[in-house]
Amino acid sequence: MVTAPKAALSGGPRPLKLSFGTRLPVVGVSGTDVLVATPAGPTARLPDSAVHVYTSAAAIPTPTGRQLVATARLSLGLRYLWVGRLRSGSTALGS
């Protein structure tokens, strides 16, 4: 899970900035990079300083109210980023 406000995804079809809270399946670790599977298929890299690897989705802790507020404050001052439309036609949002 991305724990930095933004994280650079490299090695995929094109470089991307991922938003806080983005979850991708981990396929390995290489040096200071976490290797992740992407929806487009190829494996890409995230810096380990920008992510936390959990053993399963169930292992992700439930945040307290204070933690939710602290997390929301991480987004203050970040520009809005529109990332596209889902197949259903609704808008996919990022930060």
Protein backbone atom coordinates (compact mmCIF):
# COMPACT_ATOMS: atom_id res chain seq x y z
CA MET A 1 0.00 0.00 0.00
CA VAL A 2 1.33 3.45 -0.90
CA THR A 3 1.98 5.32 2.34
CA ALA A 4 3.54 8.48 0.87
CA PRO A 5 1.33 11.28 -0.53
CA LYS A 6 2.54 10.22 -3.99
CA ALA A 7 4.86 7.46 -5.20
CA ALA A 8 6.64 7.08 -8.54
CA LEU A 9 5.76 3.83 -10.31
CA SER A 10 8.54 2.99 -12.76
CA GLY A 11 9.32 0.17 -15.14
CA GLY A 12 5.77 -0.17 -16.46
CA PRO A 13 4.48 0.91 -19.85
CA ARG A 14 4.91 4.54 -18.75
CA PRO A 15 5.98 6.30 -15.54
CA LEU A 16 3.09 7.11 -13.22
CA LYS A 17 2.56 8.82 -9.87
CA LEU A 18 0.38 6.74 -7.56
CA SER A 19 -1.73 8.29 -4.83
CA PHE A 20 -1.64 7.54 -1.12
CA GLY A 21 -3.57 4.37 -0.31
CA THR A 22 -3.10 2.73 -3.73
CA ARG A 23 -2.91 -1.05 -3.39
CA LEU A 24 -1.17 -3.32 -5.90
CA PRO A 25 -0.16 -6.98 -5.55
CA VAL A 26 3.48 -7.38 -4.47
CA VAL A 27 5.48 -9.87 -6.54
CA GLY A 28 8.89 -9.33 -4.95
CA VAL A 29 11.55 -7.00 -3.59
CA SER A 30 14.71 -5.89 -5.40
CA GLY A 31 17.15 -3.74 -3.45
CA THR A 32 15.23 -0.63 -2.38
CA ASP A 33 12.31 -1.30 -4.75
CA VAL A 34 9.09 -3.21 -4.23
CA LEU A 35 8.03 -5.05 -7.39
CA VAL A 36 4.29 -4.90 -8.04
CA ALA A 37 1.86 -6.30 -10.58
CA THR A 38 -0.07 -3.65 -12.49
CA PRO A 39 -3.57 -3.83 -13.99
CA ALA A 40 -1.99 -3.52 -17.46
CA GLY A 41 0.04 -6.67 -16.86
CA PRO A 42 3.73 -5.78 -16.61
CA THR A 43 5.63 -5.73 -13.34
CA ALA A 44 6.64 -2.27 -12.16
CA ARG A 45 8.68 -0.80 -9.28
CA LEU A 46 7.85 1.40 -6.30
CA PRO A 47 10.45 2.78 -3.89
CA ASP A 48 10.25 0.89 -0.59
CA SER A 49 10.36 4.23 1.25
CA ALA A 50 6.93 5.09 -0.19
CA VAL A 51 5.08 1.86 0.58
CA HIS A 52 4.25 -0.61 3.31
CA VAL A 53 3.94 -4.27 2.41
CA TYR A 54 1.24 -6.24 4.22
CA THR A 55 1.03 -10.04 4.14
CA SER A 56 -2.67 -9.88 3.17
CA ALA A 57 -5.55 -7.41 2.88
CA ALA A 58 -6.79 -8.70 6.25
CA ALA A 59 -3.47 -7.63 7.82
CA ILE A 60 -4.09 -3.96 7.00
CA PRO A 61 -5.02 -2.38 10.34
CA THR A 62 -8.33 -0.56 10.82
CA PRO A 63 -7.48 3.10 11.45
CA THR A 64 -8.67 5.08 14.45
CA GLY A 65 -10.48 8.40 14.05
CA ARG A 66 -7.26 10.28 14.84
CA GLN A 67 -5.36 8.28 12.25
CA LEU A 68 -8.01 9.06 9.63
CA VAL A 69 -7.71 12.79 10.36
CA ALA A 70 -3.89 12.59 10.26
CA THR A 71 -4.13 10.75 6.94
CA ALA A 72 -6.53 13.34 5.50
CA ARG A 73 -4.08 16.09 6.46
CA LEU A 74 -1.45 14.46 4.22
CA SER A 75 -3.56 15.53 1.23
CA LEU A 76 -3.74 19.22 2.18
CA GLY A 77 -2.07 21.29 -0.52
CA LEU A 78 -1.90 18.44 -3.05
CA ARG A 79 -3.29 19.21 -6.48
CA TYR A 80 -6.33 17.32 -7.71
CA LEU A 81 -5.54 14.66 -10.30
CA TRP A 82 -8.16 13.24 -12.63
CA VAL A 83 -7.00 9.78 -13.66
CA GLY A 84 -9.66 8.64 -16.08
CA ARG A 85 -12.93 6.80 -16.41
CA LEU A 86 -13.80 3.32 -15.28
CA ARG A 87 -15.43 0.82 -17.64
CA SER A 88 -18.72 1.57 -15.91
CA GLY A 89 -18.43 5.17 -17.14
CA SER A 90 -17.88 6.72 -13.71
CA THR A 91 -14.89 8.94 -13.02
CA ALA A 92 -11.79 7.50 -11.32
CA LEU A 93 -10.24 10.02 -8.94
CA GLY A 94 -6.74 10.41 -7.54
CA SER A 95 -4.75 13.07 -5.73
